[in-house]
């Protein structure tokens, strides 16, 4: 049996804002991303857990997108 394409779930605006902040202005800091998205300061671990698949998907894309530039920078250093 062939693997099926993973279904994309609907995210709330607050969840989307968290993900955008996590990979944007929060520079990977989940606590700061949670604050930017309007979550309470103590709830960010639960948000990360609930968005684990989406975080990993975006991280994988970011690594793929930036890997050649990173490698060239390391080689040239």
C-alpha atoms as a PDB file:
ATOM      1  CA  UNK A   1       0.000   0.000   0.000  1.00  0.00           C
ATOM      2  CA  UNK A   2       1.365   3.419  -0.966  1.00  0.00           C
ATOM      3  CA  UNK A   3       1.619   6.128   1.677  1.00  0.00           C
ATOM      4  CA  UNK A   4      -1.130   8.711   1.451  1.00  0.00           C
ATOM      5  CA  UNK A   5      -0.582  12.444   1.449  1.00  0.00           C
ATOM      6  CA  UNK A   6      -1.009  13.882   4.939  1.00  0.00           C
ATOM      7  CA  UNK A   7      -4.192  15.861   5.311  1.00  0.00           C
ATOM      8  CA  UNK A   8      -3.800  19.537   6.115  1.00  0.00           C
ATOM      9  CA  UNK A   9      -5.901  20.615   9.056  1.00  0.00           C
ATOM     10  CA  UNK A  10      -7.553  23.971   9.477  1.00  0.00           C
ATOM     11  CA  UNK A  11      -5.691  26.225  11.874  1.00  0.00           C
ATOM     12  CA  UNK A  12      -7.153  29.096  13.832  1.00  0.00           C
ATOM     13  CA  UNK A  13      -5.925  32.617  13.156  1.00  0.00           C
ATOM     14  CA  UNK A  14      -4.131  32.532  16.504  1.00  0.00           C
ATOM     15  CA  UNK A  15      -2.351  29.274  15.604  1.00  0.00           C
ATOM     16  CA  UNK A  16      -1.305  30.714  12.234  1.00  0.00           C
ATOM     17  CA  UNK A  17      -0.052  33.855  13.957  1.00  0.00           C
ATOM     18  CA  UNK A  18       1.976  31.694  16.348  1.00  0.00           C
ATOM     19  CA  UNK A  19       3.611  29.793  13.483  1.00  0.00           C
ATOM     20  CA  UNK A  20       4.336  32.971  11.538  1.00  0.00           C
ATOM     21  CA  UNK A  21       5.886  34.581  14.626  1.00  0.00           C
ATOM     22  CA  UNK A  22       7.875  31.446  15.505  1.00  0.00           C
ATOM     23  CA  UNK A  23       9.566  31.429  12.099  1.00  0.00           C
ATOM     24  CA  UNK A  24       9.634  35.215  11.843  1.00  0.00           C
ATOM     25  CA  UNK A  25      10.041  37.926  14.437  1.00  0.00           C
ATOM     26  CA  UNK A  26      10.369  35.517  17.403  1.00  0.00           C
ATOM     27  CA  UNK A  27      13.392  33.890  15.739  1.00  0.00           C
ATOM     28  CA  UNK A  28      12.403  30.396  16.859  1.00  0.00           C
ATOM     29  CA  UNK A  29      11.557  31.335  20.455  1.00  0.00           C
ATOM     30  CA  UNK A  30       8.223  29.588  21.212  1.00  0.00           C
ATOM     31  CA  UNK A  31       7.518  31.601  24.355  1.00  0.00           C
ATOM     32  CA  UNK A  32       7.931  34.875  22.459  1.00  0.00           C
ATOM     33  CA  UNK A  33       5.886  33.535  19.524  1.00  0.00           C
ATOM     34  CA  UNK A  34       3.104  32.651  21.948  1.00  0.00           C
ATOM     35  CA  UNK A  35       3.111  36.136  23.408  1.00  0.00           C
ATOM     36  CA  UNK A  36       3.017  37.687  19.922  1.00  0.00           C
ATOM     37  CA  UNK A  37       0.089  35.443  18.989  1.00  0.00           C
ATOM     38  CA  UNK A  38      -1.821  36.365  22.141  1.00  0.00           C
ATOM     39  CA  UNK A  39      -1.423  33.165  24.145  1.00  0.00           C
ATOM     40  CA  UNK A  40      -0.875  33.332  27.894  1.00  0.00           C
ATOM     41  CA  UNK A  41       2.812  33.105  28.874  1.00  0.00           C
ATOM     42  CA  UNK A  42       2.404  29.661  30.462  1.00  0.00           C
ATOM     43  CA  UNK A  43       0.473  28.039  27.584  1.00  0.00           C
ATOM     44  CA  UNK A  44       3.145  27.979  24.887  1.00  0.00           C
ATOM     45  CA  UNK A  45       4.270  24.359  25.638  1.00  0.00           C
ATOM     46  CA  UNK A  46       0.731  23.152  24.940  1.00  0.00           C
ATOM     47  CA  UNK A  47       0.610  25.230  21.746  1.00  0.00           C
ATOM     48  CA  UNK A  48       3.906  23.726  20.563  1.00  0.00           C
ATOM     49  CA  UNK A  49       2.634  20.223  21.307  1.00  0.00           C
ATOM     50  CA  UNK A  50      -0.605  20.802  19.407  1.00  0.00           C
ATOM     51  CA  UNK A  51       1.224  22.318  16.417  1.00  0.00           C
ATOM     52  CA  UNK A  52       4.127  19.842  16.381  1.00  0.00           C
ATOM     53  CA  UNK A  53       3.411  18.543  12.863  1.00  0.00           C
ATOM     54  CA  UNK A  54       3.004  22.026  11.413  1.00  0.00           C
ATOM     55  CA  UNK A  55       6.200  23.224  13.134  1.00  0.00           C
ATOM     56  CA  UNK A  56       8.171  20.270  11.783  1.00  0.00           C
ATOM     57  CA  UNK A  57       6.768  20.796   8.292  1.00  0.00           C
ATOM     58  CA  UNK A  58       7.749  24.476   8.283  1.00  0.00           C
ATOM     59  CA  UNK A  59      11.164  23.685   9.778  1.00  0.00           C
ATOM     60  CA  UNK A  60      11.793  21.095   7.074  1.00  0.00           C
ATOM     61  CA  UNK A  61      10.858  23.603   4.382  1.00  0.00           C
ATOM     62  CA  UNK A  62      13.063  26.266   5.949  1.00  0.00           C
ATOM     63  CA  UNK A  63      16.018  23.875   6.096  1.00  0.00           C
ATOM     64  CA  UNK A  64      15.539  22.871   2.472  1.00  0.00           C
ATOM     65  CA  UNK A  65      15.173  26.474   1.366  1.00  0.00           C
ATOM     66  CA  UNK A  66      18.257  27.731   3.208  1.00  0.00           C
ATOM     67  CA  UNK A  67      20.578  24.710   3.226  1.00  0.00           C
ATOM     68  CA  UNK A  68      22.588  25.584   0.110  1.00  0.00           C
ATOM     69  CA  UNK A  69      23.295  29.097   1.370  1.00  0.00           C
ATOM     70  CA  UNK A  70      24.280  27.750   4.796  1.00  0.00           C
ATOM     71  CA  UNK A  71      26.633  25.176   3.303  1.00  0.00           C
ATOM     72  CA  UNK A  72      28.283  27.774   1.081  1.00  0.00           C
ATOM     73  CA  UNK A  73      28.760  30.067   4.080  1.00  0.00           C
ATOM     74  CA  UNK A  74      30.398  27.289   6.084  1.00  0.00           C
ATOM     75  CA  UNK A  75      32.659  26.267   3.213  1.00  0.00           C
ATOM     76  CA  UNK A  76      33.726  29.851   2.574  1.00  0.00           C
ATOM     77  CA  UNK A  77      34.428  30.526   6.265  1.00  0.00           C
END
